[in-house]
Amino acid sequence: MSRSPEQLHALVRYRLEQAVETLRETNLLLDQNAWRGAQNRAYYAMFYAVLALLATRQLGSSKHSGVLGLFDREFVKPGLLPRELSRSLRLAFNRRQSWDYGEVAALDPDEITEMVTGAKLFVQAIQEFLRESGFGEEGDEAGTDQEKPDGAT
């Protein structure tokens, strides 16, 4: 389905808002030591940011693995975004899969906190890329500025 430029910008904004709101949820969950929920929301924040990117090309997939593949094909392999973002996204995807559906008995709070920090950096990188590509507005980091991970600038 082809969208007008206005519809496209609105969709990208919506997906970014989802990503930022989901990041805020991770902080609430971390504050409550709700590790499984925090790691789940961290992955979904990244996922929604990728959906925003794919919307700029009017692409999507009904499967998470399809979204990850499109992200790599459209943005990582051509060198538009660093491979580290792909690695970070795939690690979050695999951890979410095993922690949500596997038989992992104990979750490592430090590992989950690290994953949340990675998700924040991931979303910030996507926001910056979209801003530079003409999608998004200055100061459009909707809450990620106030909640930067320790040591981030």
N, C-alpha and C. Protein backbone atom coordinates (compact mmCIF):
# COMPACT_ATOMS: atom_id res chain seq x y z
N MET A 1 0.83 -1.17 0.00
CA MET A 1 0.00 0.00 0.00
C MET A 1 0.88 1.24 0.00
N SER A 2 0.67 2.12 -0.95
CA SER A 2 1.43 3.35 -1.05
C SER A 2 0.82 4.41 -0.15
N ARG A 3 1.68 5.12 0.58
CA ARG A 3 1.22 6.16 1.49
C ARG A 3 1.67 7.53 1.00
N SER A 4 0.90 8.55 1.34
CA SER A 4 1.30 9.92 1.02
C SER A 4 2.49 10.30 1.92
N PRO A 5 3.24 11.33 1.56
CA PRO A 5 4.35 11.77 2.42
C PRO A 5 3.89 12.10 3.84
N GLU A 6 2.71 12.70 3.97
CA GLU A 6 2.19 13.05 5.29
C GLU A 6 1.89 11.78 6.10
N GLN A 7 1.28 10.80 5.45
CA GLN A 7 0.97 9.54 6.12
C GLN A 7 2.26 8.82 6.54
N LEU A 8 3.25 8.86 5.67
CA LEU A 8 4.52 8.22 5.94
C LEU A 8 5.20 8.86 7.15
N HIS A 9 5.25 10.19 7.19
CA HIS A 9 5.86 10.88 8.32
C HIS A 9 5.09 10.59 9.61
N ALA A 10 3.77 10.54 9.52
CA ALA A 10 2.95 10.25 10.70
C ALA A 10 3.23 8.84 11.21
N LEU A 11 3.38 7.88 10.30
CA LEU A 11 3.67 6.50 10.70
C LEU A 11 5.05 6.40 11.35
N VAL A 12 6.03 7.07 10.77
CA VAL A 12 7.38 7.05 11.34
C VAL A 12 7.35 7.67 12.74
N ARG A 13 6.68 8.79 12.89
CA ARG A 13 6.55 9.43 14.21
C ARG A 13 5.88 8.49 15.22
N TYR A 14 4.81 7.85 14.78
CA TYR A 14 4.08 6.92 15.65
C TYR A 14 4.99 5.78 16.12
N ARG A 15 5.74 5.19 15.20
CA ARG A 15 6.62 4.08 15.57
C ARG A 15 7.74 4.54 16.51
N LEU A 16 8.27 5.73 16.28
CA LEU A 16 9.28 6.26 17.19
C LEU A 16 8.70 6.54 18.57
N GLU A 17 7.48 7.06 18.60
CA GLU A 17 6.82 7.28 19.89
C GLU A 17 6.63 5.96 20.63
N GLN A 18 6.27 4.91 19.89
CA GLN A 18 6.15 3.59 20.51
C GLN A 18 7.49 3.16 21.11
N ALA A 19 8.57 3.37 20.36
CA ALA A 19 9.90 2.97 20.83
C ALA A 19 10.26 3.72 22.11
N VAL A 20 10.04 5.02 22.12
CA VAL A 20 10.42 5.83 23.28
C VAL A 20 9.54 5.50 24.49
N GLU A 21 8.26 5.33 24.27
CA GLU A 21 7.37 4.96 25.37
C GLU A 21 7.77 3.60 25.95
N THR A 22 8.13 2.69 25.09
CA THR A 22 8.54 1.36 25.54
C THR A 22 9.84 1.43 26.32
N LEU A 23 10.74 2.32 25.94
CA LEU A 23 11.96 2.52 26.73
C LEU A 23 11.62 3.03 28.13
N ARG A 24 10.67 3.94 28.22
CA ARG A 24 10.26 4.43 29.55
C ARG A 24 9.71 3.28 30.39
N GLU A 25 8.99 2.38 29.76
CA GLU A 25 8.47 1.21 30.49
C GLU A 25 9.60 0.37 31.05
N THR A 26 10.71 0.26 30.31
CA THR A 26 11.83 -0.54 30.81
C THR A 26 12.35 0.02 32.14
N ASN A 27 12.39 1.35 32.24
CA ASN A 27 12.87 1.95 33.49
C ASN A 27 11.95 1.63 34.66
N LEU A 28 10.66 1.70 34.42
CA LEU A 28 9.70 1.36 35.47
C LEU A 28 9.88 -0.09 35.92
N LEU A 29 10.07 -0.97 34.95
CA LEU A 29 10.24 -2.38 35.26
C LEU A 29 11.56 -2.65 35.98
N LEU A 30 12.63 -1.98 35.56
CA LEU A 30 13.91 -2.14 36.24
C LEU A 30 13.80 -1.67 37.69
N ASP A 31 13.10 -0.55 37.91
CA ASP A 31 12.93 -0.03 39.27
C ASP A 31 12.23 -1.04 40.18
N GLN A 32 11.42 -1.91 39.60
CA GLN A 32 10.67 -2.91 40.36
C GLN A 32 11.35 -4.29 40.33
N ASN A 33 12.57 -4.34 39.78
CA ASN A 33 13.29 -5.61 39.63
C ASN A 33 12.49 -6.63 38.82
N ALA A 34 11.72 -6.14 37.88
CA ALA A 34 10.93 -7.00 36.99
C ALA A 34 11.79 -7.26 35.74
N TRP A 35 12.76 -8.15 35.91
CA TRP A 35 13.80 -8.36 34.90
C TRP A 35 13.25 -8.90 33.58
N ARG A 36 12.38 -9.87 33.64
CA ARG A 36 11.84 -10.46 32.42
C ARG A 36 11.07 -9.40 31.62
N GLY A 37 10.26 -8.63 32.28
CA GLY A 37 9.50 -7.58 31.61
C GLY A 37 10.41 -6.51 31.03
N ALA A 38 11.47 -6.16 31.76
CA ALA A 38 12.40 -5.12 31.29
C ALA A 38 13.12 -5.56 30.02
N GLN A 39 13.56 -6.81 29.99
CA GLN A 39 14.26 -7.28 28.79
C GLN A 39 13.30 -7.37 27.61
N ASN A 40 12.07 -7.75 27.88
CA ASN A 40 11.07 -7.84 26.82
C ASN A 40 10.81 -6.46 26.21
N ARG A 41 10.62 -5.48 27.08
CA ARG A 41 10.32 -4.12 26.60
C ARG A 41 11.54 -3.51 25.92
N ALA A 42 12.74 -3.84 26.37
CA ALA A 42 13.95 -3.32 25.72
C ALA A 42 14.01 -3.81 24.27
N TYR A 43 13.75 -5.09 24.07
CA TYR A 43 13.73 -5.61 22.70
C TYR A 43 12.66 -4.91 21.88
N TYR A 44 11.46 -4.77 22.44
CA TYR A 44 10.38 -4.16 21.66
C TYR A 44 10.65 -2.69 21.34
N ALA A 45 11.35 -1.99 22.18
CA ALA A 45 11.73 -0.60 21.86
C ALA A 45 12.59 -0.60 20.59
N MET A 46 13.52 -1.52 20.51
CA MET A 46 14.38 -1.63 19.34
C MET A 46 13.55 -2.03 18.11
N PHE A 47 12.65 -2.97 18.30
CA PHE A 47 11.80 -3.46 17.23
C PHE A 47 10.96 -2.31 16.65
N TYR A 48 10.34 -1.51 17.52
CA TYR A 48 9.52 -0.40 17.03
C TYR A 48 10.37 0.64 16.30
N ALA A 49 11.60 0.86 16.76
CA ALA A 49 12.48 1.79 16.06
C ALA A 49 12.79 1.27 14.65
N VAL A 50 12.99 -0.03 14.52
CA VAL A 50 13.24 -0.62 13.19
C VAL A 50 11.99 -0.50 12.32
N LEU A 51 10.82 -0.69 12.90
CA LEU A 51 9.59 -0.50 12.13
C LEU A 51 9.49 0.93 11.60
N ALA A 52 9.95 1.90 12.38
CA ALA A 52 9.97 3.30 11.91
C ALA A 52 10.89 3.42 10.69
N LEU A 53 12.06 2.82 10.79
CA LEU A 53 13.00 2.84 9.65
C LEU A 53 12.38 2.20 8.41
N LEU A 54 11.82 1.02 8.58
CA LEU A 54 11.24 0.30 7.44
C LEU A 54 10.07 1.07 6.83
N ALA A 55 9.35 1.81 7.65
CA ALA A 55 8.22 2.60 7.15
C ALA A 55 8.71 3.65 6.15
N THR A 56 9.93 4.15 6.33
CA THR A 56 10.45 5.15 5.38
C THR A 56 10.60 4.57 3.99
N ARG A 57 10.70 3.26 3.90
CA ARG A 57 10.81 2.57 2.61
C ARG A 57 9.53 1.84 2.25
N GLN A 58 8.50 2.05 3.05
CA GLN A 58 7.21 1.38 2.88
C GLN A 58 7.37 -0.13 2.87
N LEU A 59 8.19 -0.60 3.82
CA LEU A 59 8.44 -2.04 3.98
C LEU A 59 7.96 -2.50 5.33
N GLY A 60 7.68 -3.78 5.44
CA GLY A 60 7.28 -4.38 6.70
C GLY A 60 7.23 -5.88 6.55
N SER A 61 7.01 -6.54 7.66
CA SER A 61 6.90 -8.00 7.67
C SER A 61 6.01 -8.40 8.84
N SER A 62 5.32 -9.50 8.68
CA SER A 62 4.46 -9.99 9.76
C SER A 62 5.26 -10.79 10.78
N LYS A 63 6.52 -11.07 10.49
CA LYS A 63 7.36 -11.86 11.40
C LYS A 63 8.54 -11.03 11.88
N HIS A 64 8.91 -11.23 13.13
CA HIS A 64 10.06 -10.52 13.69
C HIS A 64 11.33 -10.82 12.90
N SER A 65 11.52 -12.08 12.53
CA SER A 65 12.71 -12.45 11.78
C SER A 65 12.74 -11.73 10.42
N GLY A 66 11.57 -11.52 9.84
CA GLY A 66 11.49 -10.78 8.58
C GLY A 66 11.87 -9.33 8.75
N VAL A 67 11.45 -8.73 9.85
CA VAL A 67 11.81 -7.33 10.15
C VAL A 67 13.32 -7.22 10.32
N LEU A 68 13.91 -8.15 11.05
CA LEU A 68 15.36 -8.13 11.25
C LEU A 68 16.10 -8.29 9.93
N GLY A 69 15.61 -9.18 9.08
CA GLY A 69 16.24 -9.37 7.77
C GLY A 69 16.14 -8.13 6.89
N LEU A 70 14.99 -7.48 6.90
CA LEU A 70 14.83 -6.25 6.12
C LEU A 70 15.73 -5.14 6.64
N PHE A 71 15.87 -5.05 7.96
CA PHE A 71 16.75 -4.06 8.56
C PHE A 71 18.18 -4.25 8.05
N ASP A 72 18.64 -5.49 8.08
CA ASP A 72 19.99 -5.77 7.59
C ASP A 72 20.11 -5.46 6.10
N ARG A 73 19.17 -5.93 5.31
CA ARG A 73 19.23 -5.76 3.85
C ARG A 73 19.18 -4.29 3.44
N GLU A 74 18.31 -3.53 4.06
CA GLU A 74 18.07 -2.16 3.63
C GLU A 74 19.00 -1.13 4.26
N PHE A 75 19.49 -1.40 5.49
CA PHE A 75 20.21 -0.36 6.20
C PHE A 75 21.62 -0.75 6.64
N VAL A 76 21.85 -2.01 6.96
CA VAL A 76 23.16 -2.42 7.46
C VAL A 76 24.08 -2.82 6.31
N LYS A 77 23.63 -3.73 5.46
CA LYS A 77 24.49 -4.20 4.36
C LYS A 77 24.92 -3.08 3.43
N PRO A 78 24.05 -2.11 3.11
CA PRO A 78 24.51 -0.99 2.28
C PRO A 78 25.41 0.00 3.01
N GLY A 79 25.62 -0.21 4.32
CA GLY A 79 26.51 0.66 5.08
C GLY A 79 25.86 1.92 5.61
N LEU A 80 24.54 1.99 5.58
CA LEU A 80 23.85 3.18 6.09
C LEU A 80 23.88 3.24 7.61
N LEU A 81 23.87 2.08 8.24
CA LEU A 81 23.95 1.97 9.70
C LEU A 81 25.01 0.93 10.05
N PRO A 82 25.67 1.09 11.19
CA PRO A 82 26.75 0.16 11.55
C PRO A 82 26.27 -1.25 11.87
N ARG A 83 27.12 -2.21 11.59
CA ARG A 83 26.81 -3.62 11.86
C ARG A 83 26.53 -3.86 13.34
N GLU A 84 27.14 -3.05 14.20
CA GLU A 84 26.93 -3.21 15.64
C GLU A 84 25.46 -3.10 16.00
N LEU A 85 24.72 -2.26 15.28
CA LEU A 85 23.28 -2.15 15.55
C LEU A 85 22.56 -3.45 15.22
N SER A 86 22.96 -4.09 14.15
CA SER A 86 22.37 -5.37 13.79
C SER A 86 22.70 -6.43 14.85
N ARG A 87 23.94 -6.46 15.28
CA ARG A 87 24.34 -7.43 16.31
C ARG A 87 23.55 -7.20 17.60
N SER A 88 23.41 -5.95 17.97
CA SER A 88 22.68 -5.60 19.19
C SER A 88 21.21 -6.02 19.09
N LEU A 89 20.60 -5.75 17.94
CA LEU A 89 19.20 -6.11 17.72
C LEU A 89 19.01 -7.63 17.75
N ARG A 90 19.89 -8.35 17.08
CA ARG A 90 19.77 -9.80 17.03
C ARG A 90 20.02 -10.45 18.40
N LEU A 91 20.96 -9.89 19.15
CA LEU A 91 21.20 -10.39 20.51
C LEU A 91 19.95 -10.18 21.37
N ALA A 92 19.35 -9.00 21.28
CA ALA A 92 18.14 -8.72 22.05
C ALA A 92 17.00 -9.65 21.62
N PHE A 93 16.87 -9.88 20.32
CA PHE A 93 15.85 -10.79 19.81
C PHE A 93 16.04 -12.20 20.37
N ASN A 94 17.27 -12.70 20.29
CA ASN A 94 17.55 -14.06 20.76
C ASN A 94 17.35 -14.19 22.26
N ARG A 95 17.77 -13.17 23.00
CA ARG A 95 17.56 -13.22 24.45
C ARG A 95 16.08 -13.18 24.79
N ARG A 96 15.34 -12.33 24.12
CA ARG A 96 13.90 -12.26 24.39
C ARG A 96 13.26 -13.61 24.10
N GLN A 97 13.63 -14.22 22.98
CA GLN A 97 13.08 -15.53 22.63
C GLN A 97 13.37 -16.55 23.73
N SER A 98 14.62 -16.62 24.16
CA SER A 98 14.96 -17.65 25.15
C SER A 98 14.38 -17.31 26.51
N TRP A 99 14.35 -16.04 26.88
CA TRP A 99 13.83 -15.68 28.20
C TRP A 99 12.31 -15.73 28.25
N ASP A 100 11.66 -15.42 27.14
CA ASP A 100 10.19 -15.46 27.14
C ASP A 100 9.65 -16.87 26.92
N TYR A 101 10.33 -17.65 26.09
CA TYR A 101 9.77 -18.94 25.69
C TYR A 101 10.59 -20.14 26.13
N GLY A 102 11.82 -19.90 26.53
CA GLY A 102 12.70 -21.00 26.92
C GLY A 102 12.51 -21.39 28.36
N GLU A 103 13.46 -22.14 28.85
CA GLU A 103 13.39 -22.63 30.22
C GLU A 103 14.48 -22.03 31.07
N VAL A 104 14.77 -20.76 30.83
CA VAL A 104 15.77 -20.06 31.62
C VAL A 104 15.19 -19.82 33.01
N ALA A 105 15.82 -20.39 34.01
CA ALA A 105 15.29 -20.28 35.37
C ALA A 105 15.67 -18.94 36.01
N ALA A 106 16.93 -18.56 35.90
CA ALA A 106 17.39 -17.35 36.55
C ALA A 106 17.85 -16.34 35.50
N LEU A 107 17.40 -15.12 35.68
CA LEU A 107 17.82 -14.04 34.79
C LEU A 107 18.91 -13.24 35.47
N ASP A 108 19.87 -12.78 34.71
CA ASP A 108 20.99 -12.01 35.25
C ASP A 108 20.63 -10.53 35.18
N PRO A 109 20.39 -9.88 36.33
CA PRO A 109 20.02 -8.46 36.32
C PRO A 109 21.04 -7.56 35.62
N ASP A 110 22.33 -7.87 35.76
CA ASP A 110 23.36 -7.06 35.10
C ASP A 110 23.25 -7.18 33.58
N GLU A 111 23.00 -8.39 33.11
CA GLU A 111 22.84 -8.63 31.67
C GLU A 111 21.62 -7.88 31.13
N ILE A 112 20.57 -7.89 31.89
CA ILE A 112 19.34 -7.20 31.45
C ILE A 112 19.53 -5.69 31.48
N THR A 113 20.19 -5.19 32.51
CA THR A 113 20.47 -3.76 32.58
C THR A 113 21.33 -3.33 31.40
N GLU A 114 22.29 -4.16 31.04
CA GLU A 114 23.14 -3.89 29.87
C GLU A 114 22.31 -3.89 28.58
N MET A 115 21.37 -4.81 28.49
CA MET A 115 20.50 -4.89 27.32
C MET A 115 19.64 -3.64 27.21
N VAL A 116 19.13 -3.15 28.34
CA VAL A 116 18.32 -1.93 28.34
C VAL A 116 19.16 -0.74 27.89
N THR A 117 20.38 -0.66 28.38
CA THR A 117 21.28 0.43 27.96
C THR A 117 21.52 0.34 26.45
N GLY A 118 21.74 -0.86 25.96
CA GLY A 118 21.93 -1.06 24.51
C GLY A 118 20.70 -0.66 23.72
N ALA A 119 19.53 -0.94 24.25
CA ALA A 119 18.29 -0.57 23.56
C ALA A 119 18.16 0.95 23.47
N LYS A 120 18.52 1.65 24.54
CA LYS A 120 18.46 3.12 24.52
C LYS A 120 19.39 3.68 23.46
N LEU A 121 20.60 3.15 23.42
CA LEU A 121 21.57 3.62 22.42
C LEU A 121 21.09 3.29 21.01
N PHE A 122 20.49 2.13 20.83
CA PHE A 122 19.95 1.71 19.54
C PHE A 122 18.87 2.69 19.07
N VAL A 123 17.91 2.97 19.94
CA VAL A 123 16.81 3.87 19.58
C VAL A 123 17.36 5.27 19.27
N GLN A 124 18.31 5.74 20.06
CA GLN A 124 18.90 7.05 19.80
C GLN A 124 19.58 7.08 18.43
N ALA A 125 20.28 6.01 18.08
CA ALA A 125 20.96 5.95 16.78
C ALA A 125 19.94 5.98 15.64
N ILE A 126 18.84 5.28 15.79
CA ILE A 126 17.79 5.27 14.75
C ILE A 126 17.15 6.64 14.65
N GLN A 127 16.87 7.26 15.79
CA GLN A 127 16.29 8.61 15.78
C GLN A 127 17.20 9.58 15.03
N GLU A 128 18.49 9.51 15.31
CA GLU A 128 19.45 10.41 14.65
C GLU A 128 19.48 10.14 13.15
N PHE A 129 19.52 8.88 12.77
CA PHE A 129 19.53 8.53 11.35
C PHE A 129 18.28 9.08 10.66
N LEU A 130 17.14 8.89 11.28
CA LEU A 130 15.89 9.37 10.69
C LEU A 130 15.86 10.89 10.59
N ARG A 131 16.37 11.56 11.61
CA ARG A 131 16.43 13.02 11.58
C ARG A 131 17.30 13.49 10.41
N GLU A 132 18.46 12.85 10.25
CA GLU A 132 19.37 13.20 9.16
C GLU A 132 18.78 12.86 7.79
N SER A 133 17.85 11.91 7.76
CA SER A 133 17.21 11.50 6.51
C SER A 133 15.94 12.29 6.20
N GLY A 134 15.61 13.27 7.06
CA GLY A 134 14.44 14.09 6.83
C GLY A 134 13.17 13.57 7.48
N PHE A 135 13.30 12.55 8.31
CA PHE A 135 12.15 12.02 9.06
C PHE A 135 12.41 12.36 10.52
N GLY A 136 11.43 12.89 11.16
CA GLY A 136 11.63 13.30 12.54
C GLY A 136 12.01 14.76 12.58
N GLU A 137 11.93 15.31 13.76
CA GLU A 137 12.17 16.73 13.93
C GLU A 137 13.28 16.93 14.93
N GLU A 138 13.87 18.13 14.93
CA GLU A 138 14.88 18.46 15.93
C GLU A 138 14.25 18.31 17.30
N GLY A 139 15.01 17.77 18.24
CA GLY A 139 14.51 17.58 19.59
C GLY A 139 13.45 16.51 19.67
N ASP A 140 13.40 15.63 18.69
CA ASP A 140 12.35 14.61 18.59
C ASP A 140 12.74 13.33 19.33
N GLU A 141 13.64 13.45 20.31
CA GLU A 141 14.08 12.24 21.00
C GLU A 141 13.15 11.87 22.13
N ALA A 142 12.00 12.49 22.18
CA ALA A 142 10.87 12.16 23.05
C ALA A 142 11.21 11.37 24.29
N GLY A 143 12.02 11.95 25.13
CA GLY A 143 12.24 11.31 26.42
C GLY A 143 13.55 10.56 26.53
N THR A 144 14.24 10.29 25.44
CA THR A 144 15.47 9.53 25.58
C THR A 144 16.58 10.42 26.11
N ASP A 145 16.51 11.75 25.90
CA ASP A 145 17.53 12.64 26.44
C ASP A 145 17.57 12.59 27.96
N GLN A 146 16.40 12.59 28.57
CA GLN A 146 16.36 12.63 30.01
C GLN A 146 16.73 11.30 30.64
N GLU A 147 16.81 10.26 29.86
CA GLU A 147 17.08 8.96 30.45
C GLU A 147 18.25 8.28 29.76
N LYS A 148 19.29 9.05 29.48
CA LYS A 148 20.46 8.46 28.84
C LYS A 148 21.17 7.55 29.80
N PRO A 149 21.74 6.48 29.29
CA PRO A 149 22.47 5.56 30.15
C PRO A 149 23.70 6.24 30.72
N ASP A 150 24.19 5.74 31.84
CA ASP A 150 25.38 6.28 32.46
C ASP A 150 26.51 6.36 31.46
N GLY A 151 27.19 7.51 31.42
CA GLY A 151 28.32 7.67 30.55
C GLY A 151 27.98 8.04 29.13
N ALA A 152 26.72 8.05 28.74
CA ALA A 152 26.35 8.42 27.36
C ALA A 152 26.27 9.93 27.27
N THR A 153 26.59 10.45 26.12
CA THR A 153 26.50 11.90 25.90
C THR A 153 25.44 12.25 24.93
